[in-house]
PDB file of all heavy atoms in Angstrom:
ATOM      1  N   LYS A   1      -7.097  -2.953  -9.506  1.00  0.00           N
ATOM      2  CA  LYS A   1      -7.474  -1.843  -8.632  1.00  0.00           C
ATOM      3  C   LYS A   1      -7.444  -2.241  -7.156  1.00  0.00           C
ATOM      4  O   LYS A   1      -7.187  -1.403  -6.288  1.00  0.00           O
ATOM      5  CB  LYS A   1      -8.859  -1.318  -9.013  1.00  0.00           C
ATOM      6  CG  LYS A   1      -8.815  -0.372 -10.203  1.00  0.00           C
ATOM      7  CD  LYS A   1      -8.138   0.922  -9.827  1.00  0.00           C
ATOM      8  CE  LYS A   1      -7.253   1.441 -10.916  1.00  0.00           C
ATOM      9  NZ  LYS A   1      -6.295   2.455 -10.482  1.00  0.00           N
ATOM     10  N   VAL A   2      -7.707  -3.505  -6.854  1.00  0.00           N
ATOM     11  CA  VAL A   2      -7.521  -3.985  -5.486  1.00  0.00           C
ATOM     12  C   VAL A   2      -6.065  -3.762  -5.074  1.00  0.00           C
ATOM     13  O   VAL A   2      -5.767  -3.257  -3.990  1.00  0.00           O
ATOM     14  CB  VAL A   2      -7.900  -5.477  -5.356  1.00  0.00           C
ATOM     15  CG1 VAL A   2      -7.565  -6.000  -3.955  1.00  0.00           C
ATOM     16  CG2 VAL A   2      -9.379  -5.685  -5.656  1.00  0.00           C
ATOM     17  N   ALA A   3      -5.147  -4.111  -5.976  1.00  0.00           N
ATOM     18  CA  ALA A   3      -3.716  -3.931  -5.696  1.00  0.00           C
ATOM     19  C   ALA A   3      -3.370  -2.456  -5.528  1.00  0.00           C
ATOM     20  O   ALA A   3      -2.636  -2.069  -4.606  1.00  0.00           O
ATOM     21  CB  ALA A   3      -2.889  -4.554  -6.816  1.00  0.00           C
ATOM     22  N   ASP A   4      -3.888  -1.599  -6.405  1.00  0.00           N
ATOM     23  CA  ASP A   4      -3.633  -0.157  -6.283  1.00  0.00           C
ATOM     24  C   ASP A   4      -4.120   0.374  -4.937  1.00  0.00           C
ATOM     25  O   ASP A   4      -3.449   1.187  -4.283  1.00  0.00           O
ATOM     26  CB  ASP A   4      -4.345   0.606  -7.401  1.00  0.00           C
ATOM     27  CG  ASP A   4      -3.617   0.531  -8.738  1.00  0.00           C
ATOM     28  OD1 ASP A   4      -2.431   0.157  -8.758  1.00  0.00           O
ATOM     29  OD2 ASP A   4      -4.241   0.856  -9.768  1.00  0.00           O
ATOM     30  N   GLN A   5      -5.308  -0.063  -4.533  1.00  0.00           N
ATOM     31  CA  GLN A   5      -5.872   0.427  -3.271  1.00  0.00           C
ATOM     32  C   GLN A   5      -5.062  -0.036  -2.063  1.00  0.00           C
ATOM     33  O   GLN A   5      -4.891   0.714  -1.093  1.00  0.00           O
ATOM     34  CB  GLN A   5      -7.332  -0.024  -3.144  1.00  0.00           C
ATOM     35  CG  GLN A   5      -8.267   0.707  -4.085  1.00  0.00           C
ATOM     36  CD  GLN A   5      -9.615   0.019  -4.183  1.00  0.00           C
ATOM     37  OE1 GLN A   5     -10.543   0.332  -3.445  1.00  0.00           O
ATOM     38  NE2 GLN A   5      -9.737  -0.936  -5.090  1.00  0.00           N
ATOM     39  N   ILE A   6      -4.559  -1.252  -2.117  1.00  0.00           N
ATOM     40  CA  ILE A   6      -3.694  -1.737  -1.027  1.00  0.00           C
ATOM     41  C   ILE A   6      -2.427  -0.882  -0.957  1.00  0.00           C
ATOM     42  O   ILE A   6      -2.020  -0.434   0.126  1.00  0.00           O
ATOM     43  CB  ILE A   6      -3.351  -3.222  -1.235  1.00  0.00           C
ATOM     44  CG1 ILE A   6      -4.588  -4.088  -0.987  1.00  0.00           C
ATOM     45  CG2 ILE A   6      -2.197  -3.649  -0.331  1.00  0.00           C
ATOM     46  CD1 ILE A   6      -4.415  -5.549  -1.382  1.00  0.00           C
ATOM     47  N   SER A   7      -1.810  -0.625  -2.102  1.00  0.00           N
ATOM     48  CA  SER A   7      -0.576   0.172  -2.126  1.00  0.00           C
ATOM     49  C   SER A   7      -0.808   1.568  -1.564  1.00  0.00           C
ATOM     50  O   SER A   7      -0.007   2.082  -0.767  1.00  0.00           O
ATOM     51  CB  SER A   7      -0.044   0.264  -3.560  1.00  0.00           C
ATOM     52  OG  SER A   7       0.388  -0.993  -4.026  1.00  0.00           O
ATOM     53  N   ASP A   8      -1.899   2.206  -1.958  1.00  0.00           N
ATOM     54  CA  ASP A   8      -2.182   3.563  -1.469  1.00  0.00           C
ATOM     55  C   ASP A   8      -2.639   3.569  -0.013  1.00  0.00           C
ATOM     56  O   ASP A   8      -2.412   4.554   0.706  1.00  0.00           O
ATOM     57  CB  ASP A   8      -3.211   4.247  -2.366  1.00  0.00           C
ATOM     58  CG  ASP A   8      -2.566   4.890  -3.586  1.00  0.00           C
ATOM     59  OD1 ASP A   8      -1.394   5.278  -3.503  1.00  0.00           O
ATOM     60  OD2 ASP A   8      -3.245   5.019  -4.627  1.00  0.00           O
ATOM     61  N   ALA A   9      -3.268   2.504   0.441  1.00  0.00           N
ATOM     62  CA  ALA A   9      -3.652   2.419   1.856  1.00  0.00           C
ATOM     63  C   ALA A   9      -2.421   2.334   2.746  1.00  0.00           C
ATOM     64  O   ALA A   9      -2.363   2.955   3.818  1.00  0.00           O
ATOM     65  CB  ALA A   9      -4.567   1.215   2.082  1.00  0.00           C
ATOM     66  N   VAL A  10      -1.427   1.571   2.319  1.00  0.00           N
ATOM     67  CA  VAL A  10      -0.158   1.509   3.063  1.00  0.00           C
ATOM     68  C   VAL A  10       0.493   2.883   3.087  1.00  0.00           C
ATOM     69  O   VAL A  10       0.950   3.367   4.133  1.00  0.00           O
ATOM     70  CB  VAL A  10       0.790   0.461   2.444  1.00  0.00           C
ATOM     71  CG1 VAL A  10       2.177   0.541   3.085  1.00  0.00           C
ATOM     72  CG2 VAL A  10       0.214  -0.949   2.598  1.00  0.00           C
ATOM     73  N   LEU A  11       0.532   3.539   1.922  1.00  0.00           N
ATOM     74  CA  LEU A  11       1.114   4.885   1.837  1.00  0.00           C
ATOM     75  C   LEU A  11       0.415   5.855   2.785  1.00  0.00           C
ATOM     76  O   LEU A  11       1.073   6.584   3.552  1.00  0.00           O
ATOM     77  CB  LEU A  11       1.016   5.390   0.398  1.00  0.00           C
ATOM     78  CG  LEU A  11       1.415   6.844   0.146  1.00  0.00           C
ATOM     79  CD1 LEU A  11       2.880   7.080   0.496  1.00  0.00           C
ATOM     80  CD2 LEU A  11       1.137   7.221  -1.316  1.00  0.00           C
ATOM     81  N   ASP A  12      -0.913   5.886   2.764  1.00  0.00           N
ATOM     82  CA  ASP A  12      -1.667   6.807   3.618  1.00  0.00           C
ATOM     83  C   ASP A  12      -1.441   6.524   5.105  1.00  0.00           C
ATOM     84  O   ASP A  12      -1.326   7.451   5.914  1.00  0.00           O
ATOM     85  CB  ASP A  12      -3.157   6.726   3.300  1.00  0.00           C
ATOM     86  CG  ASP A  12      -3.547   7.545   2.084  1.00  0.00           C
ATOM     87  OD1 ASP A  12      -2.692   8.280   1.563  1.00  0.00           O
ATOM     88  OD2 ASP A  12      -4.719   7.447   1.662  1.00  0.00           O
ATOM     89  N   THR A  13      -1.399   5.253   5.462  1.00  0.00           N
ATOM     90  CA  THR A  13      -1.173   4.886   6.861  1.00  0.00           C
ATOM     91  C   THR A  13       0.145   5.465   7.369  1.00  0.00           C
ATOM     92  O   THR A  13       0.224   5.949   8.509  1.00  0.00           O
ATOM     93  CB  THR A  13      -1.176   3.352   7.008  1.00  0.00           C
ATOM     94  OG1 THR A  13      -2.441   2.836   6.586  1.00  0.00           O
ATOM     95  CG2 THR A  13      -0.926   2.937   8.451  1.00  0.00           C
ATOM     96  N   LEU A  14       1.161   5.450   6.533  1.00  0.00           N
ATOM     97  CA  LEU A  14       2.472   5.957   6.939  1.00  0.00           C
ATOM     98  C   LEU A  14       2.553   7.472   6.873  1.00  0.00           C
ATOM     99  O   LEU A  14       3.120   8.117   7.763  1.00  0.00           O
ATOM    100  CB  LEU A  14       3.556   5.307   6.084  1.00  0.00           C
ATOM    101  CG  LEU A  14       3.685   3.794   6.291  1.00  0.00           C
ATOM    102  CD1 LEU A  14       4.616   3.171   5.262  1.00  0.00           C
ATOM    103  CD2 LEU A  14       4.165   3.480   7.711  1.00  0.00           C
ATOM    104  N   LEU A  15       1.975   8.081   5.843  1.00  0.00           N
ATOM    105  CA  LEU A  15       1.999   9.545   5.740  1.00  0.00           C
ATOM    106  C   LEU A  15       1.242  10.210   6.886  1.00  0.00           C
ATOM    107  O   LEU A  15       1.577  11.315   7.312  1.00  0.00           O
ATOM    108  CB  LEU A  15       1.407   9.996   4.401  1.00  0.00           C
ATOM    109  CG  LEU A  15       2.264   9.789   3.153  1.00  0.00           C
ATOM    110  CD1 LEU A  15       1.494  10.238   1.905  1.00  0.00           C
ATOM    111  CD2 LEU A  15       3.584  10.544   3.247  1.00  0.00           C
ATOM    112  N   GLU A  16       0.228   9.520   7.379  1.00  0.00           N
ATOM    113  CA  GLU A  16      -0.546  10.061   8.502  1.00  0.00           C
ATOM    114  C   GLU A  16       0.337  10.240   9.736  1.00  0.00           C
ATOM    115  O   GLU A  16       0.156  11.158  10.524  1.00  0.00           O
ATOM    116  CB  GLU A  16      -1.709   9.116   8.808  1.00  0.00           C
ATOM    117  CG  GLU A  16      -2.776   9.724   9.682  1.00  0.00           C
ATOM    118  CD  GLU A  16      -4.039   8.875   9.701  1.00  0.00           C
ATOM    119  OE1 GLU A  16      -3.980   7.681   9.319  1.00  0.00           O
ATOM    120  OE2 GLU A  16      -5.083   9.397  10.111  1.00  0.00           O
ATOM    121  N   GLN A  17       1.317   9.358   9.892  1.00  0.00           N
ATOM    122  CA  GLN A  17       2.226   9.417  11.034  1.00  0.00           C
ATOM    123  C   GLN A  17       3.512  10.180  10.714  1.00  0.00           C
ATOM    124  O   GLN A  17       4.092  10.826  11.588  1.00  0.00           O
ATOM    125  CB  GLN A  17       2.606   7.999  11.461  1.00  0.00           C
ATOM    126  CG  GLN A  17       1.432   7.088  11.757  1.00  0.00           C
ATOM    127  CD  GLN A  17       1.865   5.641  11.819  1.00  0.00           C
ATOM    128  OE1 GLN A  17       2.675   5.257  12.663  1.00  0.00           O
ATOM    129  NE2 GLN A  17       1.351   4.822  10.915  1.00  0.00           N
ATOM    130  N   ASP A  18       3.950  10.082   9.470  1.00  0.00           N
ATOM    131  CA  ASP A  18       5.248  10.634   9.073  1.00  0.00           C
ATOM    132  C   ASP A  18       5.130  11.240   7.667  1.00  0.00           C
ATOM    133  O   ASP A  18       5.273  10.537   6.675  1.00  0.00           O
ATOM    134  CB  ASP A  18       6.299   9.517   9.083  1.00  0.00           C
ATOM    135  CG  ASP A  18       7.671   9.985   8.626  1.00  0.00           C
ATOM    136  OD1 ASP A  18       7.869  11.214   8.493  1.00  0.00           O
ATOM    137  OD2 ASP A  18       8.549   9.125   8.402  1.00  0.00           O
ATOM    138  N   PRO A  19       4.867  12.543   7.575  1.00  0.00           N
ATOM    139  CA  PRO A  19       4.692  13.186   6.260  1.00  0.00           C
ATOM    140  C   PRO A  19       5.923  13.076   5.354  1.00  0.00           C
ATOM    141  O   PRO A  19       5.808  13.232   4.141  1.00  0.00           O
ATOM    142  CB  PRO A  19       4.408  14.651   6.612  1.00  0.00           C
ATOM    143  CG  PRO A  19       3.892  14.611   8.006  1.00  0.00           C
ATOM    144  CD  PRO A  19       4.612  13.493   8.675  1.00  0.00           C
ATOM    145  N   ASP A  20       7.083  12.802   5.957  1.00  0.00           N
ATOM    146  CA  ASP A  20       8.314  12.677   5.168  1.00  0.00           C
ATOM    147  C   ASP A  20       8.655  11.229   4.832  1.00  0.00           C
ATOM    148  O   ASP A  20       9.774  10.939   4.378  1.00  0.00           O
ATOM    149  CB  ASP A  20       9.483  13.317   5.926  1.00  0.00           C
ATOM    150  CG  ASP A  20       9.307  14.822   6.076  1.00  0.00           C
ATOM    151  OD1 ASP A  20       8.941  15.469   5.079  1.00  0.00           O
ATOM    152  OD2 ASP A  20       9.521  15.337   7.191  1.00  0.00           O
ATOM    153  N   ALA A  21       7.714  10.318   5.036  1.00  0.00           N
ATOM    154  CA  ALA A  21       7.958   8.910   4.712  1.00  0.00           C
ATOM    155  C   ALA A  21       8.283   8.746   3.238  1.00  0.00           C
ATOM    156  O   ALA A  21       7.683   9.391   2.379  1.00  0.00           O
ATOM    157  CB  ALA A  21       6.726   8.080   5.069  1.00  0.00           C
ATOM    158  N   HIS A  22       9.249   7.902   2.955  1.00  0.00           N
ATOM    159  CA  HIS A  22       9.574   7.536   1.583  1.00  0.00           C
ATOM    160  C   HIS A  22       9.032   6.134   1.336  1.00  0.00           C
ATOM    161  O   HIS A  22       9.479   5.161   1.963  1.00  0.00           O
ATOM    162  CB  HIS A  22      11.081   7.588   1.351  1.00  0.00           C
ATOM    163  CG  HIS A  22      11.607   8.985   1.244  1.00  0.00           C
ATOM    164  ND1 HIS A  22      12.882   9.288   0.821  1.00  0.00           N
ATOM    165  CD2 HIS A  22      11.008  10.179   1.476  1.00  0.00           C
ATOM    166  CE1 HIS A  22      13.054  10.603   0.815  1.00  0.00           C
ATOM    167  NE2 HIS A  22      11.918  11.157   1.216  1.00  0.00           N
ATOM    168  N   VAL A  23       8.062   6.061   0.454  1.00  0.00           N
ATOM    169  CA  VAL A  23       7.305   4.822   0.272  1.00  0.00           C
ATOM    170  C   VAL A  23       7.253   4.451  -1.205  1.00  0.00           C
ATOM    171  O   VAL A  23       6.933   5.286  -2.055  1.00  0.00           O
ATOM    172  CB  VAL A  23       5.862   4.974   0.816  1.00  0.00           C
ATOM    173  CG1 VAL A  23       5.068   3.678   0.621  1.00  0.00           C
ATOM    174  CG2 VAL A  23       5.868   5.380   2.284  1.00  0.00           C
ATOM    175  N   ALA A  24       7.567   3.201  -1.484  1.00  0.00           N
ATOM    176  CA  ALA A  24       7.326   2.613  -2.806  1.00  0.00           C
ATOM    177  C   ALA A  24       6.770   1.221  -2.542  1.00  0.00           C
ATOM    178  O   ALA A  24       7.525   0.273  -2.321  1.00  0.00           O
ATOM    179  CB  ALA A  24       8.603   2.549  -3.629  1.00  0.00           C
ATOM    180  N   CYS A  25       5.459   1.109  -2.510  1.00  0.00           N
ATOM    181  CA  CYS A  25       4.794  -0.123  -2.090  1.00  0.00           C
ATOM    182  C   CYS A  25       4.021  -0.734  -3.258  1.00  0.00           C
ATOM    183  O   CYS A  25       3.120  -0.100  -3.810  1.00  0.00           O
ATOM    184  CB  CYS A  25       3.848   0.156  -0.922  1.00  0.00           C
ATOM    185  SG  CYS A  25       2.985  -1.311  -0.332  1.00  0.00           S
ATOM    186  N   GLU A  26       4.370  -1.939  -3.617  1.00  0.00           N
ATOM    187  CA  GLU A  26       3.685  -2.671  -4.695  1.00  0.00           C
ATOM    188  C   GLU A  26       2.862  -3.801  -4.096  1.00  0.00           C
ATOM    189  O   GLU A  26       3.189  -4.326  -3.028  1.00  0.00           O
ATOM    190  CB  GLU A  26       4.706  -3.260  -5.674  1.00  0.00           C
ATOM    191  CG  GLU A  26       5.804  -2.309  -6.112  1.00  0.00           C
ATOM    192  CD  GLU A  26       5.315  -1.160  -6.970  1.00  0.00           C
ATOM    193  OE1 GLU A  26       4.194  -1.260  -7.524  1.00  0.00           O
ATOM    194  OE2 GLU A  26       6.044  -0.160  -7.089  1.00  0.00           O
ATOM    195  N   ALA A  27       1.796  -4.175  -4.781  1.00  0.00           N
ATOM    196  CA  ALA A  27       0.953  -5.266  -4.301  1.00  0.00           C
ATOM    197  C   ALA A  27       0.599  -6.206  -5.442  1.00  0.00           C
ATOM    198  O   ALA A  27       0.537  -5.800  -6.610  1.00  0.00           O
ATOM    199  CB  ALA A  27      -0.328  -4.721  -3.662  1.00  0.00           C
ATOM    200  N   MET A  28       0.386  -7.459  -5.083  1.00  0.00           N
ATOM    201  CA  MET A  28      -0.131  -8.464  -6.005  1.00  0.00           C
ATOM    202  C   MET A  28      -1.225  -9.234  -5.293  1.00  0.00           C
ATOM    203  O   MET A  28      -1.065  -9.606  -4.122  1.00  0.00           O
ATOM    204  CB  MET A  28       0.971  -9.429  -6.446  1.00  0.00           C
ATOM    205  CG  MET A  28       0.476 -10.479  -7.445  1.00  0.00           C
ATOM    206  SD  MET A  28       1.662 -11.799  -7.768  1.00  0.00           S
ATOM    207  CE  MET A  28       1.438 -12.818  -6.306  1.00  0.00           C
ATOM    208  N   VAL A  29      -2.343  -9.442  -5.963  1.00  0.00           N
ATOM    209  CA  VAL A  29      -3.430 -10.216  -5.375  1.00  0.00           C
ATOM    210  C   VAL A  29      -3.821 -11.336  -6.327  1.00  0.00           C
ATOM    211  O   VAL A  29      -3.877 -11.159  -7.545  1.00  0.00           O
ATOM    212  CB  VAL A  29      -4.660  -9.326  -5.059  1.00  0.00           C
ATOM    213  CG1 VAL A  29      -4.344  -8.386  -3.911  1.00  0.00           C
ATOM    214  CG2 VAL A  29      -5.114  -8.525  -6.273  1.00  0.00           C
ATOM    215  N   THR A  30      -4.078 -12.504  -5.746  1.00  0.00           N
ATOM    216  CA  THR A  30      -4.529 -13.651  -6.528  1.00  0.00           C
ATOM    217  C   THR A  30      -5.412 -14.500  -5.623  1.00  0.00           C
ATOM    218  O   THR A  30      -5.727 -14.089  -4.499  1.00  0.00           O
ATOM    219  CB  THR A  30      -3.327 -14.444  -7.081  1.00  0.00           C
ATOM    220  OG1 THR A  30      -3.794 -15.457  -7.972  1.00  0.00           O
ATOM    221  CG2 THR A  30      -2.488 -15.060  -5.970  1.00  0.00           C
ATOM    222  N   THR A  31      -5.842 -15.652  -6.071  1.00  0.00           N
ATOM    223  CA  THR A  31      -6.781 -16.461  -5.302  1.00  0.00           C
ATOM    224  C   THR A  31      -6.270 -16.701  -3.882  1.00  0.00           C
ATOM    225  O   THR A  31      -5.212 -17.289  -3.686  1.00  0.00           O
ATOM    226  CB  THR A  31      -7.012 -17.822  -5.996  1.00  0.00           C
ATOM    227  OG1 THR A  31      -7.439 -17.590  -7.341  1.00  0.00           O
ATOM    228  CG2 THR A  31      -8.066 -18.633  -5.258  1.00  0.00           C
ATOM    229  N   GLY A  32      -7.001 -16.173  -2.908  1.00  0.00           N
ATOM    230  CA  GLY A  32      -6.686 -16.420  -1.504  1.00  0.00           C
ATOM    231  C   GLY A  32      -5.420 -15.788  -0.981  1.00  0.00           C
ATOM    232  O   GLY A  32      -4.978 -16.120   0.122  1.00  0.00           O
ATOM    233  N   MET A  33      -4.837 -14.842  -1.707  1.00  0.00           N
ATOM    234  CA  MET A  33      -3.531 -14.333  -1.296  1.00  0.00           C
ATOM    235  C   MET A  33      -3.322 -12.887  -1.713  1.00  0.00           C
ATOM    236  O   MET A  33      -3.726 -12.473  -2.801  1.00  0.00           O
ATOM    237  CB  MET A  33      -2.428 -15.193  -1.925  1.00  0.00           C
ATOM    238  CG  MET A  33      -1.011 -14.774  -1.567  1.00  0.00           C
ATOM    239  SD  MET A  33       0.224 -15.729  -2.480  1.00  0.00           S
ATOM    240  CE  MET A  33      -0.095 -17.377  -1.850  1.00  0.00           C
ATOM    241  N   ALA A  34      -2.678 -12.113  -0.834  1.00  0.00           N
ATOM    242  CA  ALA A  34      -2.210 -10.765  -1.154  1.00  0.00           C
ATOM    243  C   ALA A  34      -0.734 -10.676  -0.783  1.00  0.00           C
ATOM    244  O   ALA A  34      -0.343 -11.074   0.321  1.00  0.00           O
ATOM    245  CB  ALA A  34      -3.016  -9.718  -0.393  1.00  0.00           C
ATOM    246  N   VAL A  35       0.065 -10.156  -1.697  1.00  0.00           N
ATOM    247  CA  VAL A  35       1.502 -10.004  -1.472  1.00  0.00           C
ATOM    248  C   VAL A  35       1.847  -8.531  -1.593  1.00  0.00           C
ATOM    249  O   VAL A  35       1.430  -7.872  -2.556  1.00  0.00           O
ATOM    250  CB  VAL A  35       2.325 -10.810  -2.507  1.00  0.00           C
ATOM    251  CG1 VAL A  35       3.826 -10.623  -2.263  1.00  0.00           C
ATOM    252  CG2 VAL A  35       1.955 -12.288  -2.460  1.00  0.00           C
TER     253      VAL A  35
END
């Protein structure tokens, strides 16, 4: 769910500026790192 929230936060940040943004953002989180 941390990963899901990161992906949707990126999406929201872009939609706020550009409603027509095309976004497919994946995330991975592990010890000390987010990708």
